[in-house]
Amino acid sequence: HYNRNLTVYDAQTACTMVGAKTKAEGKLTELVVGDGDHVEAGDVIAHVEPKVTDEQVQQLEQNLALAKQSLEQLQKGGVVSAPSAVTVPAAAPQVDSGAQQRAAQALSRMQRMNELFSMGAVSAVKRDEAAAEYAAAQAAASSAPAAPSVSVPQSATPVPTSPEVLKQAELQVKQAEAALNNAKEDQQATDILAPVAGTVYYTDVAEGDDLKAGQTIVNIGDAGNVWLEARLNPDQAKKVRLGQFASYTIEGHDLQGTIQDIQNPADDSADADDSNGDSATADSGDSSSGAKQSTTKDSRTTVKLSLPSGLSFNVQPGMKATVKFAIDR
């Protein structure tokens, strides 16, 4: 304590980190900015070569066209029809009951094939075969094969498609449209842009690496959300409060701010072992939240202080600062 002040010598600036991420799979061809560079929102961070090819886009366009064509056919409804004309006996003086039974079975099968065709479950060839079998069974049902015969044209009757089949066809069209749109967007995702203004911090990627969709290329310290952090041991933390003013020095600039937040240590079991007297000392193993993170646990309380606006110098995360808290004796 000096002049009723609690001095913390290892404070540093911190900020929110925002990742600049890929939109699609591809190869990282160029990193445009360097580690520690300042960027503005919308600046190009890196160039990516997408994996989507023109041939893949063309194939997806064909898939969409086929899906739309299938939907249009189903919306018109299936058509139940036999061959253009069916030859049947003009008279049937004698009737074979067995033949009649076979004709009834053929009729049932033809109706089933027409139903399956309207659902898209069988081909037109299968449907026409069943119709021809029914016509032959009808002819065989007569015991007078020599009797004169006539050709009876068969009418085409539209059969509405079931709602379930239409719904599935509509879903296939939507899926094909989404796949095509996503592929086109991925093909154009050649640049990775900075989501916010701030300082660039490299991750573990390098030029030539294959990237996944949504992978973070660099982290950017958000210049619009910067604060000052001081770490206090438990005894020191009891002497400060929210809203309290504090003076601090950053790179030779004397500033003032207020305590905006007091965060308890993650490990409540840690005690005064981390305390080295009334003044906090520098801890090189601890980094600010928002700068490159350290895995070292810190049992001290984190005190966040505001920074004044309109500063004459650029504040970046990780800058060292000395903070003086006015306290009661």
C-alpha atoms as a PDB file:
ATOM      1  CA  HIS A   1       0.000   0.000   0.000  1.00  0.00           C
ATOM      2  CA  TYR A   2       1.267   3.414  -0.944  1.00  0.00           C
ATOM      3  CA  ASN A   3      -0.805   6.504  -0.108  1.00  0.00           C
ATOM      4  CA  ARG A   4      -3.837   4.288   0.472  1.00  0.00           C
ATOM      5  CA  ASN A   5      -3.463   2.762  -2.982  1.00  0.00           C
ATOM      6  CA  LEU A   6      -3.457  -0.877  -4.012  1.00  0.00           C
ATOM      7  CA  THR A   7      -1.130  -1.178  -6.998  1.00  0.00           C
ATOM      8  CA  VAL A   8      -1.341  -4.026  -9.518  1.00  0.00           C
ATOM      9  CA  TYR A   9       1.637  -4.227 -11.847  1.00  0.00           C
ATOM     10  CA  ASP A  10       0.634  -7.088 -14.163  1.00  0.00           C
ATOM     11  CA  ALA A  11      -2.684  -5.789 -15.511  1.00  0.00           C
ATOM     12  CA  GLN A  12      -3.230  -5.947 -19.247  1.00  0.00           C
ATOM     13  CA  THR A  13      -5.791  -5.065 -21.872  1.00  0.00           C
ATOM     14  CA  ALA A  14      -8.207  -7.715 -23.144  1.00  0.00           C
ATOM     15  CA  CYS A  15     -11.012  -7.943 -25.655  1.00  0.00           C
ATOM     16  CA  THR A  16     -13.574 -10.235 -27.161  1.00  0.00           C
ATOM     17  CA  MET A  17     -12.121 -12.635 -29.736  1.00  0.00           C
ATOM     18  CA  VAL A  18     -14.065 -13.270 -32.946  1.00  0.00           C
ATOM     19  CA  GLY A  19     -13.063 -16.035 -35.349  1.00  0.00           C
ATOM     20  CA  ALA A  20     -12.757 -15.490 -39.100  1.00  0.00           C
ATOM     21  CA  LYS A  21     -14.146 -18.752 -40.496  1.00  0.00           C
ATOM     22  CA  THR A  22     -14.438 -20.535 -43.811  1.00  0.00           C
ATOM     23  CA  LYS A  23     -17.809 -20.869 -45.515  1.00  0.00           C
ATOM     24  CA  ALA A  24     -17.011 -24.060 -47.400  1.00  0.00           C
ATOM     25  CA  GLU A  25     -14.413 -26.790 -47.806  1.00  0.00           C
ATOM     26  CA  GLY A  26     -11.326 -25.853 -49.761  1.00  0.00           C
ATOM     27  CA  LYS A  27      -7.585 -25.299 -49.748  1.00  0.00           C
ATOM     28  CA  LEU A  28      -5.977 -22.290 -48.049  1.00  0.00           C
ATOM     29  CA  THR A  29      -3.994 -20.679 -50.855  1.00  0.00           C
ATOM     30  CA  GLU A  30      -2.920 -17.386 -49.226  1.00  0.00           C
ATOM     31  CA  LEU A  31      -2.942 -15.602 -45.870  1.00  0.00           C
ATOM     32  CA  VAL A  32      -3.244 -11.917 -46.720  1.00  0.00           C
ATOM     33  CA  VAL A  33      -2.649 -10.449 -43.242  1.00  0.00           C
ATOM     34  CA  GLY A  34       0.054 -11.135 -40.686  1.00  0.00           C
ATOM     35  CA  ASP A  35      -0.095 -12.083 -37.045  1.00  0.00           C
ATOM     36  CA  GLY A  36      -0.684  -8.902 -35.006  1.00  0.00           C
ATOM     37  CA  ASP A  37      -1.916  -6.821 -37.957  1.00  0.00           C
ATOM     38  CA  HIS A  38      -4.887  -4.507 -37.523  1.00  0.00           C
ATOM     39  CA  VAL A  39      -7.837  -5.072 -39.860  1.00  0.00           C
ATOM     40  CA  GLU A  40     -11.174  -3.413 -40.450  1.00  0.00           C
ATOM     41  CA  ALA A  41     -14.461  -5.274 -40.733  1.00  0.00           C
ATOM     42  CA  GLY A  42     -14.784  -6.666 -44.270  1.00  0.00           C
ATOM     43  CA  ASP A  43     -11.044  -6.768 -45.019  1.00  0.00           C
ATOM     44  CA  VAL A  44      -9.810  -9.874 -46.823  1.00  0.00           C
ATOM     45  CA  ILE A  45      -8.055 -12.216 -44.409  1.00  0.00           C
ATOM     46  CA  ALA A  46      -7.217 -15.136 -46.704  1.00  0.00           C
ATOM     47  CA  HIS A  47      -7.908 -16.701 -50.113  1.00  0.00           C
ATOM     48  CA  VAL A  48      -9.377 -20.191 -50.446  1.00  0.00           C
ATOM     49  CA  GLU A  49      -9.669 -22.508 -53.439  1.00  0.00           C
ATOM     50  CA  PRO A  50     -13.099 -24.207 -53.118  1.00  0.00           C
ATOM     51  CA  LYS A  51     -13.508 -27.921 -53.793  1.00  0.00           C
ATOM     52  CA  VAL A  52     -16.798 -27.586 -55.702  1.00  0.00           C
ATOM     53  CA  THR A  53     -16.207 -28.016 -59.466  1.00  0.00           C
ATOM     54  CA  ASP A  54     -18.230 -26.854 -62.483  1.00  0.00           C
ATOM     55  CA  GLU A  55     -19.031 -30.491 -63.278  1.00  0.00           C
ATOM     56  CA  GLN A  56     -20.548 -30.991 -59.823  1.00  0.00           C
ATOM     57  CA  VAL A  57     -22.717 -27.905 -60.267  1.00  0.00           C
ATOM     58  CA  GLN A  58     -23.907 -29.144 -63.669  1.00  0.00           C
ATOM     59  CA  GLN A  59     -24.803 -32.522 -62.200  1.00  0.00           C
ATOM     60  CA  LEU A  60     -26.812 -30.857 -59.449  1.00  0.00           C
ATOM     61  CA  GLU A  61     -28.625 -28.761 -62.066  1.00  0.00           C
ATOM     62  CA  GLN A  62     -29.570 -31.958 -63.911  1.00  0.00           C
ATOM     63  CA  ASN A  63     -30.779 -33.542 -60.675  1.00  0.00           C
ATOM     64  CA  LEU A  64     -33.019 -30.534 -60.037  1.00  0.00           C
ATOM     65  CA  ALA A  65     -34.454 -30.663 -63.566  1.00  0.00           C
ATOM     66  CA  LEU A  66     -35.275 -34.366 -63.212  1.00  0.00           C
ATOM     67  CA  ALA A  67     -36.883 -33.820 -59.813  1.00  0.00           C
ATOM     68  CA  LYS A  68     -39.089 -31.025 -61.221  1.00  0.00           C
ATOM     69  CA  GLN A  69     -40.051 -33.159 -64.227  1.00  0.00           C
ATOM     70  CA  SER A  70     -41.048 -36.050 -61.977  1.00  0.00           C
ATOM     71  CA  LEU A  71     -43.137 -33.734 -59.808  1.00  0.00           C
ATOM     72  CA  GLU A  72     -44.967 -32.323 -62.837  1.00  0.00           C
ATOM     73  CA  GLN A  73     -45.854 -35.814 -64.060  1.00  0.00           C
ATOM     74  CA  LEU A  74     -47.181 -36.831 -60.668  1.00  0.00           C
ATOM     75  CA  GLN A  75     -49.213 -33.615 -60.378  1.00  0.00           C
ATOM     76  CA  LYS A  76     -50.951 -34.475 -63.685  1.00  0.00           C
ATOM     77  CA  GLY A  77     -51.871 -37.883 -62.279  1.00  0.00           C
ATOM     78  CA  GLY A  78     -51.214 -41.412 -63.519  1.00  0.00           C
ATOM     79  CA  VAL A  79     -53.131 -42.735 -66.526  1.00  0.00           C
ATOM     80  CA  VAL A  80     -54.872 -46.129 -66.371  1.00  0.00           C
ATOM     81  CA  SER A  81     -55.034 -47.571 -69.881  1.00  0.00           C
ATOM     82  CA  ALA A  82     -54.779 -50.843 -71.776  1.00  0.00           C
ATOM     83  CA  PRO A  83     -53.170 -51.160 -75.231  1.00  0.00           C
ATOM     84  CA  SER A  84     -54.717 -48.990 -77.956  1.00  0.00           C
ATOM     85  CA  ALA A  85     -57.225 -51.707 -78.880  1.00  0.00           C
ATOM     86  CA  VAL A  86     -58.152 -55.038 -77.324  1.00  0.00           C
ATOM     87  CA  THR A  87     -59.480 -57.890 -79.475  1.00  0.00           C
ATOM     88  CA  VAL A  88     -62.393 -59.643 -77.743  1.00  0.00           C
ATOM     89  CA  PRO A  89     -64.928 -62.181 -78.988  1.00  0.00           C
ATOM     90  CA  ALA A  90     -68.151 -60.759 -80.394  1.00  0.00           C
ATOM     91  CA  ALA A  91     -70.137 -63.622 -78.863  1.00  0.00           C
ATOM     92  CA  ALA A  92     -69.488 -66.204 -76.224  1.00  0.00           C
ATOM     93  CA  PRO A  93     -72.061 -68.983 -76.424  1.00  0.00           C
ATOM     94  CA  GLN A  94     -70.140 -71.218 -74.049  1.00  0.00           C
ATOM     95  CA  VAL A  95     -68.449 -69.960 -70.903  1.00  0.00           C
ATOM     96  CA  ASP A  96     -65.445 -71.557 -69.166  1.00  0.00           C
ATOM     97  CA  SER A  97     -65.651 -70.794 -65.402  1.00  0.00           C
ATOM     98  CA  GLY A  98     -61.918 -71.351 -64.974  1.00  0.00           C
ATOM     99  CA  ALA A  99     -61.142 -68.890 -67.725  1.00  0.00           C
ATOM    100  CA  GLN A 100     -63.472 -66.376 -66.150  1.00  0.00           C
ATOM    101  CA  GLN A 101     -61.591 -66.739 -62.847  1.00  0.00           C
ATOM    102  CA  ARG A 102     -58.289 -66.163 -64.595  1.00  0.00           C
ATOM    103  CA  ALA A 103     -59.736 -63.097 -66.294  1.00  0.00           C
ATOM    104  CA  ALA A 104     -60.843 -61.734 -62.925  1.00  0.00           C
ATOM    105  CA  GLN A 105     -57.363 -62.324 -61.508  1.00  0.00           C
ATOM    106  CA  ALA A 106     -55.812 -60.586 -64.533  1.00  0.00           C
ATOM    107  CA  LEU A 107     -58.157 -57.633 -64.013  1.00  0.00           C
ATOM    108  CA  SER A 108     -57.146 -57.392 -60.373  1.00  0.00           C
ATOM    109  CA  ARG A 109     -53.468 -57.482 -61.299  1.00  0.00           C
ATOM    110  CA  MET A 110     -53.925 -54.818 -63.995  1.00  0.00           C
ATOM    111  CA  GLN A 111     -55.639 -52.536 -61.515  1.00  0.00           C
ATOM    112  CA  ARG A 112     -52.805 -53.105 -59.020  1.00  0.00           C
ATOM    113  CA  MET A 113     -50.167 -52.316 -61.657  1.00  0.00           C
ATOM    114  CA  ASN A 114     -52.000 -49.120 -62.582  1.00  0.00           C
ATOM    115  CA  GLU A 115     -52.025 -48.080 -58.935  1.00  0.00           C
ATOM    116  CA  LEU A 116     -48.321 -48.836 -58.515  1.00  0.00           C
ATOM    117  CA  PHE A 117     -47.524 -46.969 -61.727  1.00  0.00           C
ATOM    118  CA  SER A 118     -49.316 -43.864 -60.453  1.00  0.00           C
ATOM    119  CA  MET A 119     -47.123 -44.042 -57.331  1.00  0.00           C
ATOM    120  CA  GLY A 120     -43.988 -44.386 -59.427  1.00  0.00           C
ATOM    121  CA  ALA A 121     -43.321 -47.887 -58.069  1.00  0.00           C
ATOM    122  CA  VAL A 122     -43.397 -49.748 -61.425  1.00  0.00           C
ATOM    123  CA  SER A 123     -42.603 -48.824 -65.006  1.00  0.00           C
ATOM    124  CA  ALA A 124     -45.029 -48.264 -67.870  1.00  0.00           C
ATOM    125  CA  VAL A 125     -43.825 -51.547 -69.398  1.00  0.00           C
ATOM    126  CA  LYS A 126     -45.062 -53.510 -66.381  1.00  0.00           C
ATOM    127  CA  ARG A 127     -48.370 -51.666 -66.478  1.00  0.00           C
ATOM    128  CA  ASP A 128     -48.897 -52.413 -70.188  1.00  0.00           C
ATOM    129  CA  GLU A 129     -47.934 -56.072 -69.726  1.00  0.00           C
ATOM    130  CA  ALA A 130     -50.637 -56.445 -67.064  1.00  0.00           C
ATOM    131  CA  ALA A 131     -53.186 -54.799 -69.380  1.00  0.00           C
ATOM    132  CA  ALA A 132     -52.256 -57.167 -72.221  1.00  0.00           C
ATOM    133  CA  GLU A 133     -52.553 -60.182 -69.923  1.00  0.00           C
ATOM    134  CA  TYR A 134     -56.016 -59.010 -68.890  1.00  0.00           C
ATOM    135  CA  ALA A 135     -57.073 -58.645 -72.549  1.00  0.00           C
ATOM    136  CA  ALA A 136     -55.814 -62.149 -73.341  1.00  0.00           C
ATOM    137  CA  ALA A 137     -57.587 -63.595 -70.314  1.00  0.00           C
ATOM    138  CA  GLN A 138     -60.811 -61.932 -71.401  1.00  0.00           C
ATOM    139  CA  ALA A 139     -60.477 -63.477 -74.854  1.00  0.00           C
ATOM    140  CA  ALA A 140     -59.722 -66.921 -73.420  1.00  0.00           C
ATOM    141  CA  ALA A 141     -62.810 -66.787 -71.214  1.00  0.00           C
ATOM    142  CA  SER A 142     -64.955 -67.583 -74.265  1.00  0.00           C
ATOM    143  CA  SER A 143     -65.264 -71.202 -75.423  1.00  0.00           C
ATOM    144  CA  ALA A 144     -65.968 -70.117 -79.000  1.00  0.00           C
ATOM    145  CA  PRO A 145     -62.626 -69.017 -80.324  1.00  0.00           C
ATOM    146  CA  ALA A 146     -63.846 -69.085 -83.925  1.00  0.00           C
ATOM    147  CA  ALA A 147     -66.497 -66.497 -83.337  1.00  0.00           C
ATOM    148  CA  PRO A 148     -65.964 -63.167 -85.076  1.00  0.00           C
ATOM    149  CA  SER A 149     -64.147 -60.636 -83.064  1.00  0.00           C
ATOM    150  CA  VAL A 150     -64.092 -56.875 -82.839  1.00  0.00           C
ATOM    151  CA  SER A 151     -61.492 -54.382 -81.696  1.00  0.00           C
ATOM    152  CA  VAL A 152     -62.618 -52.353 -78.701  1.00  0.00           C
ATOM    153  CA  PRO A 153     -60.588 -49.192 -78.086  1.00  0.00           C
ATOM    154  CA  GLN A 154     -59.670 -48.643 -74.454  1.00  0.00           C
ATOM    155  CA  SER A 155     -60.096 -45.211 -72.937  1.00  0.00           C
ATOM    156  CA  ALA A 156     -57.344 -43.552 -70.852  1.00  0.00           C
ATOM    157  CA  THR A 157     -58.550 -42.607 -67.387  1.00  0.00           C
ATOM    158  CA  PRO A 158     -56.482 -40.248 -65.220  1.00  0.00           C
ATOM    159  CA  VAL A 159     -55.876 -41.450 -61.684  1.00  0.00           C
ATOM    160  CA  PRO A 160     -54.920 -38.807 -59.094  1.00  0.00           C
ATOM    161  CA  THR A 161     -51.576 -39.296 -57.333  1.00  0.00           C
ATOM    162  CA  SER A 162     -51.751 -39.889 -53.593  1.00  0.00           C
ATOM    163  CA  PRO A 163     -50.880 -36.876 -51.331  1.00  0.00           C
ATOM    164  CA  GLU A 164     -48.017 -38.823 -49.751  1.00  0.00           C
ATOM    165  CA  VAL A 165     -46.325 -39.391 -53.109  1.00  0.00           C
ATOM    166  CA  LEU A 166     -46.765 -35.723 -54.091  1.00  0.00           C
ATOM    167  CA  LYS A 167     -45.354 -34.570 -50.769  1.00  0.00           C
ATOM    168  CA  GLN A 168     -42.276 -36.760 -51.218  1.00  0.00           C
ATOM    169  CA  ALA A 169     -41.742 -35.474 -54.762  1.00  0.00           C
ATOM    170  CA  GLU A 170     -42.028 -31.845 -53.594  1.00  0.00           C
ATOM    171  CA  LEU A 171     -39.489 -32.556 -50.853  1.00  0.00           C
ATOM    172  CA  GLN A 172     -37.064 -33.995 -53.404  1.00  0.00           C
ATOM    173  CA  VAL A 173     -37.360 -30.806 -55.483  1.00  0.00           C
ATOM    174  CA  LYS A 174     -36.640 -28.622 -52.431  1.00  0.00           C
ATOM    175  CA  GLN A 175     -33.648 -30.779 -51.473  1.00  0.00           C
ATOM    176  CA  ALA A 176     -32.270 -30.591 -55.021  1.00  0.00           C
ATOM    177  CA  GLU A 177     -32.695 -26.795 -55.057  1.00  0.00           C
ATOM    178  CA  ALA A 178     -30.947 -26.445 -51.690  1.00  0.00           C
ATOM    179  CA  ALA A 179     -28.056 -28.664 -52.788  1.00  0.00           C
ATOM    180  CA  LEU A 180     -27.585 -26.620 -55.964  1.00  0.00           C
ATOM    181  CA  ASN A 181     -27.733 -23.263 -54.157  1.00  0.00           C
ATOM    182  CA  ASN A 182     -25.260 -24.430 -51.497  1.00  0.00           C
ATOM    183  CA  ALA A 183     -22.864 -25.679 -54.152  1.00  0.00           C
ATOM    184  CA  LYS A 184     -22.989 -22.358 -56.013  1.00  0.00           C
ATOM    185  CA  GLU A 185     -22.376 -20.427 -52.798  1.00  0.00           C
ATOM    186  CA  ASP A 186     -19.475 -22.712 -51.872  1.00  0.00           C
ATOM    187  CA  GLN A 187     -17.974 -22.283 -55.328  1.00  0.00           C
ATOM    188  CA  GLN A 188     -17.955 -18.501 -54.867  1.00  0.00           C
ATOM    189  CA  ALA A 189     -16.566 -18.590 -51.300  1.00  0.00           C
ATOM    190  CA  THR A 190     -13.003 -17.774 -52.356  1.00  0.00           C
ATOM    191  CA  ASP A 191     -12.320 -15.009 -49.797  1.00  0.00           C
ATOM    192  CA  ILE A 192     -12.407 -15.055 -46.002  1.00  0.00           C
ATOM    193  CA  LEU A 193     -13.340 -11.651 -44.608  1.00  0.00           C
ATOM    194  CA  ALA A 194     -12.761 -10.074 -41.212  1.00  0.00           C
ATOM    195  CA  PRO A 195     -16.056 -10.131 -39.264  1.00  0.00           C
ATOM    196  CA  VAL A 196     -14.988  -7.220 -37.004  1.00  0.00           C
ATOM    197  CA  ALA A 197     -12.273  -4.586 -36.761  1.00  0.00           C
ATOM    198  CA  GLY A 198      -9.369  -5.542 -34.524  1.00  0.00           C
ATOM    199  CA  THR A 199      -6.030  -7.296 -34.156  1.00  0.00           C
ATOM    200  CA  VAL A 200      -5.277 -10.542 -36.002  1.00  0.00           C
ATOM    201  CA  TYR A 201      -4.039 -13.604 -34.092  1.00  0.00           C
ATOM    202  CA  TYR A 202      -2.985 -16.624 -36.115  1.00  0.00           C
ATOM    203  CA  THR A 203      -4.279 -20.101 -35.385  1.00  0.00           C
ATOM    204  CA  ASP A 204      -2.434 -23.300 -36.303  1.00  0.00           C
ATOM    205  CA  VAL A 205      -3.336 -23.233 -40.013  1.00  0.00           C
ATOM    206  CA  ALA A 206      -0.896 -22.612 -42.853  1.00  0.00           C
ATOM    207  CA  GLU A 207      -1.035 -21.996 -46.572  1.00  0.00           C
ATOM    208  CA  GLY A 208      -1.722 -25.203 -48.476  1.00  0.00           C
ATOM    209  CA  ASP A 209      -3.841 -26.742 -45.699  1.00  0.00           C
ATOM    210  CA  ASP A 210      -7.169 -28.377 -46.529  1.00  0.00           C
ATOM    211  CA  LEU A 211      -9.941 -26.582 -44.661  1.00  0.00           C
ATOM    212  CA  LYS A 212     -13.322 -27.713 -43.445  1.00  0.00           C
ATOM    213  CA  ALA A 213     -16.475 -25.645 -43.649  1.00  0.00           C
ATOM    214  CA  GLY A 214     -16.761 -23.403 -40.596  1.00  0.00           C
ATOM    215  CA  GLN A 215     -13.093 -23.767 -39.615  1.00  0.00           C
ATOM    216  CA  THR A 216     -11.483 -20.764 -37.889  1.00  0.00           C
ATOM    217  CA  ILE A 217      -8.549 -19.345 -39.842  1.00  0.00           C
ATOM    218  CA  VAL A 218      -7.564 -16.502 -37.521  1.00  0.00           C
ATOM    219  CA  ASN A 219      -8.952 -14.919 -34.379  1.00  0.00           C
ATOM    220  CA  ILE A 220      -9.567 -11.192 -34.327  1.00  0.00           C
ATOM    221  CA  GLY A 221      -9.483  -9.155 -31.150  1.00  0.00           C
ATOM    222  CA  ASP A 222     -12.600  -6.992 -31.399  1.00  0.00           C
ATOM    223  CA  ALA A 223     -11.372  -3.391 -31.253  1.00  0.00           C
ATOM    224  CA  GLY A 224     -14.871  -2.250 -30.395  1.00  0.00           C
ATOM    225  CA  ASN A 225     -14.969  -4.224 -27.150  1.00  0.00           C
ATOM    226  CA  VAL A 226     -11.701  -3.700 -25.234  1.00  0.00           C
ATOM    227  CA  TRP A 227     -11.243  -3.466 -21.472  1.00  0.00           C
ATOM    228  CA  LEU A 228      -8.491  -3.655 -18.843  1.00  0.00           C
ATOM    229  CA  GLU A 229      -8.038  -6.670 -16.575  1.00  0.00           C
ATOM    230  CA  ALA A 230      -6.307  -6.781 -13.203  1.00  0.00           C
ATOM    231  CA  ARG A 231      -5.855  -9.930 -11.112  1.00  0.00           C
ATOM    232  CA  LEU A 232      -6.223  -9.693  -7.318  1.00  0.00           C
ATOM    233  CA  ASN A 233      -5.715 -12.265  -4.617  1.00  0.00           C
ATOM    234  CA  PRO A 234      -8.666 -12.873  -2.227  1.00  0.00           C
ATOM    235  CA  ASP A 235      -7.532 -10.336   0.393  1.00  0.00           C
ATOM    236  CA  GLN A 236      -7.029  -7.672  -2.251  1.00  0.00           C
ATOM    237  CA  ALA A 237     -10.356  -8.397  -3.943  1.00  0.00           C
ATOM    238  CA  LYS A 238     -12.225  -7.617  -0.696  1.00  0.00           C
ATOM    239  CA  LYS A 239     -10.963  -4.014  -0.859  1.00  0.00           C
ATOM    240  CA  VAL A 240     -12.477  -3.110  -4.245  1.00  0.00           C
ATOM    241  CA  ARG A 241     -16.100  -2.820  -5.402  1.00  0.00           C
ATOM    242  CA  LEU A 242     -18.156  -2.413  -8.584  1.00  0.00           C
ATOM    243  CA  GLY A 243     -18.267   1.118  -9.941  1.00  0.00           C
ATOM    244  CA  GLN A 244     -15.085   2.129  -8.106  1.00  0.00           C
ATOM    245  CA  PHE A 245     -12.727   4.504  -9.932  1.00  0.00           C
ATOM    246  CA  ALA A 246      -9.138   3.467 -10.624  1.00  0.00           C
ATOM    247  CA  SER A 247      -6.196   5.126 -12.334  1.00  0.00           C
ATOM    248  CA  TYR A 248      -3.857   3.221 -14.605  1.00  0.00           C
ATOM    249  CA  THR A 249      -1.000   3.671 -17.011  1.00  0.00           C
ATOM    250  CA  ILE A 250      -0.801   2.047 -20.472  1.00  0.00           C
ATOM    251  CA  GLU A 251       2.350   2.639 -22.555  1.00  0.00           C
ATOM    252  CA  GLY A 252       3.068   5.881 -20.730  1.00  0.00           C
ATOM    253  CA  HIS A 253      -0.502   7.166 -20.995  1.00  0.00           C
ATOM    254  CA  ASP A 254      -2.214   8.001 -17.689  1.00  0.00           C
ATOM    255  CA  LEU A 255      -5.902   7.078 -17.794  1.00  0.00           C
ATOM    256  CA  GLN A 256      -8.867   6.476 -15.502  1.00  0.00           C
ATOM    257  CA  GLY A 257     -11.729   4.023 -15.535  1.00  0.00           C
ATOM    258  CA  THR A 258     -14.299   2.276 -13.371  1.00  0.00           C
ATOM    259  CA  ILE A 259     -14.639  -1.330 -12.234  1.00  0.00           C
ATOM    260  CA  GLN A 260     -17.251  -2.904 -14.512  1.00  0.00           C
ATOM    261  CA  ASP A 261     -17.096  -6.504 -13.333  1.00  0.00           C
ATOM    262  CA  ILE A 262     -15.523  -8.654 -10.627  1.00  0.00           C
ATOM    263  CA  GLN A 263     -15.164 -12.337 -11.485  1.00  0.00           C
ATOM    264  CA  ASN A 264     -14.416 -14.908  -8.815  1.00  0.00           C
ATOM    265  CA  PRO A 265     -11.617 -17.380  -9.519  1.00  0.00           C
ATOM    266  CA  ALA A 266     -12.563 -20.619 -11.247  1.00  0.00           C
ATOM    267  CA  ASP A 267     -10.950 -22.680  -8.498  1.00  0.00           C
ATOM    268  CA  ASP A 268     -12.492 -21.593  -5.195  1.00  0.00           C
ATOM    269  CA  SER A 269     -10.263 -23.984  -3.282  1.00  0.00           C
ATOM    270  CA  ALA A 270      -7.146 -21.960  -4.082  1.00  0.00           C
ATOM    271  CA  ASP A 271      -6.184 -19.628  -1.252  1.00  0.00           C
ATOM    272  CA  ALA A 272      -3.528 -17.106  -0.344  1.00  0.00           C
ATOM    273  CA  ASP A 273      -0.731 -19.232  -1.812  1.00  0.00           C
ATOM    274  CA  ASP A 274      -0.939 -16.994  -4.894  1.00  0.00           C
ATOM    275  CA  SER A 275      -0.582 -13.845  -2.787  1.00  0.00           C
ATOM    276  CA  ASN A 276       2.789 -12.116  -2.686  1.00  0.00           C
ATOM    277  CA  GLY A 277       1.967  -9.169  -0.438  1.00  0.00           C
ATOM    278  CA  ASP A 278      -0.138  -6.125  -1.110  1.00  0.00           C
ATOM    279  CA  SER A 279       1.108  -5.584  -4.675  1.00  0.00           C
ATOM    280  CA  ALA A 280       0.426  -8.060  -7.453  1.00  0.00           C
ATOM    281  CA  THR A 281       3.479  -9.134  -9.425  1.00  0.00           C
ATOM    282  CA  ALA A 282       3.879  -9.909 -13.089  1.00  0.00           C
ATOM    283  CA  ASP A 283       2.800 -13.398 -14.157  1.00  0.00           C
ATOM    284  CA  SER A 284       4.113 -14.290 -17.590  1.00  0.00           C
ATOM    285  CA  GLY A 285       2.076 -17.496 -17.664  1.00  0.00           C
ATOM    286  CA  ASP A 286      -1.242 -15.657 -17.588  1.00  0.00           C
ATOM    287  CA  SER A 287      -2.744 -14.010 -20.642  1.00  0.00           C
ATOM    288  CA  SER A 288      -5.788 -11.815 -20.989  1.00  0.00           C
ATOM    289  CA  SER A 289      -9.103 -13.185 -22.086  1.00  0.00           C
ATOM    290  CA  GLY A 290      -9.197 -12.144 -25.700  1.00  0.00           C
ATOM    291  CA  ALA A 291      -5.462 -12.485 -26.320  1.00  0.00           C
ATOM    292  CA  LYS A 292      -3.888 -15.885 -26.861  1.00  0.00           C
ATOM    293  CA  GLN A 293      -5.177 -18.121 -24.112  1.00  0.00           C
ATOM    294  CA  SER A 294      -3.010 -19.951 -21.599  1.00  0.00           C
ATOM    295  CA  THR A 295      -3.875 -23.270 -19.978  1.00  0.00           C
ATOM    296  CA  THR A 296      -2.400 -22.127 -16.653  1.00  0.00           C
ATOM    297  CA  LYS A 297      -5.091 -21.812 -13.990  1.00  0.00           C
ATOM    298  CA  ASP A 298      -5.179 -18.601 -12.012  1.00  0.00           C
ATOM    299  CA  SER A 299      -6.880 -18.589  -8.624  1.00  0.00           C
ATOM    300  CA  ARG A 300      -6.979 -14.807  -8.416  1.00  0.00           C
ATOM    301  CA  THR A 301     -10.095 -12.675  -8.878  1.00  0.00           C
ATOM    302  CA  THR A 302     -10.363 -10.922 -12.231  1.00  0.00           C
ATOM    303  CA  VAL A 303     -11.334  -7.252 -12.078  1.00  0.00           C
ATOM    304  CA  LYS A 304     -12.460  -5.649 -15.348  1.00  0.00           C
ATOM    305  CA  LEU A 305     -12.076  -1.902 -15.797  1.00  0.00           C
ATOM    306  CA  SER A 306     -13.464   0.366 -18.497  1.00  0.00           C
ATOM    307  CA  LEU A 307     -11.310   2.213 -20.997  1.00  0.00           C
ATOM    308  CA  PRO A 308     -12.109   5.802 -21.953  1.00  0.00           C
ATOM    309  CA  SER A 309     -13.273   6.521 -25.494  1.00  0.00           C
ATOM    310  CA  GLY A 310     -11.481   8.728 -27.987  1.00  0.00           C
ATOM    311  CA  LEU A 311      -7.965   7.659 -27.058  1.00  0.00           C
ATOM    312  CA  SER A 312      -5.084   9.163 -29.012  1.00  0.00           C
ATOM    313  CA  PHE A 313      -3.355   5.786 -29.397  1.00  0.00           C
ATOM    314  CA  ASN A 314      -4.461   2.352 -30.595  1.00  0.00           C
ATOM    315  CA  VAL A 315      -5.270  -0.058 -27.758  1.00  0.00           C
ATOM    316  CA  GLN A 316      -4.651  -3.707 -28.574  1.00  0.00           C
ATOM    317  CA  PRO A 317      -5.241  -6.766 -26.397  1.00  0.00           C
ATOM    318  CA  GLY A 318      -2.259  -7.894 -24.372  1.00  0.00           C
ATOM    319  CA  MET A 319      -0.853  -4.447 -23.600  1.00  0.00           C
ATOM    320  CA  LYS A 320       0.687  -4.268 -20.112  1.00  0.00           C
ATOM    321  CA  ALA A 321      -0.652  -1.755 -17.597  1.00  0.00           C
ATOM    322  CA  THR A 322      -0.153  -0.646 -13.985  1.00  0.00           C
ATOM    323  CA  VAL A 323      -3.371  -0.035 -12.044  1.00  0.00           C
ATOM    324  CA  LYS A 324      -3.831   1.889  -8.768  1.00  0.00           C
ATOM    325  CA  PHE A 325      -6.984   1.291  -6.727  1.00  0.00           C
ATOM    326  CA  ALA A 326      -7.821   3.831  -4.010  1.00  0.00           C
ATOM    327  CA  ILE A 327      -8.745   1.841  -0.884  1.00  0.00           C
ATOM    328  CA  ASP A 328      -9.629   2.448   2.755  1.00  0.00           C
ATOM    329  CA  ARG A 329      -7.011   1.780   5.382  1.00  0.00           C
END
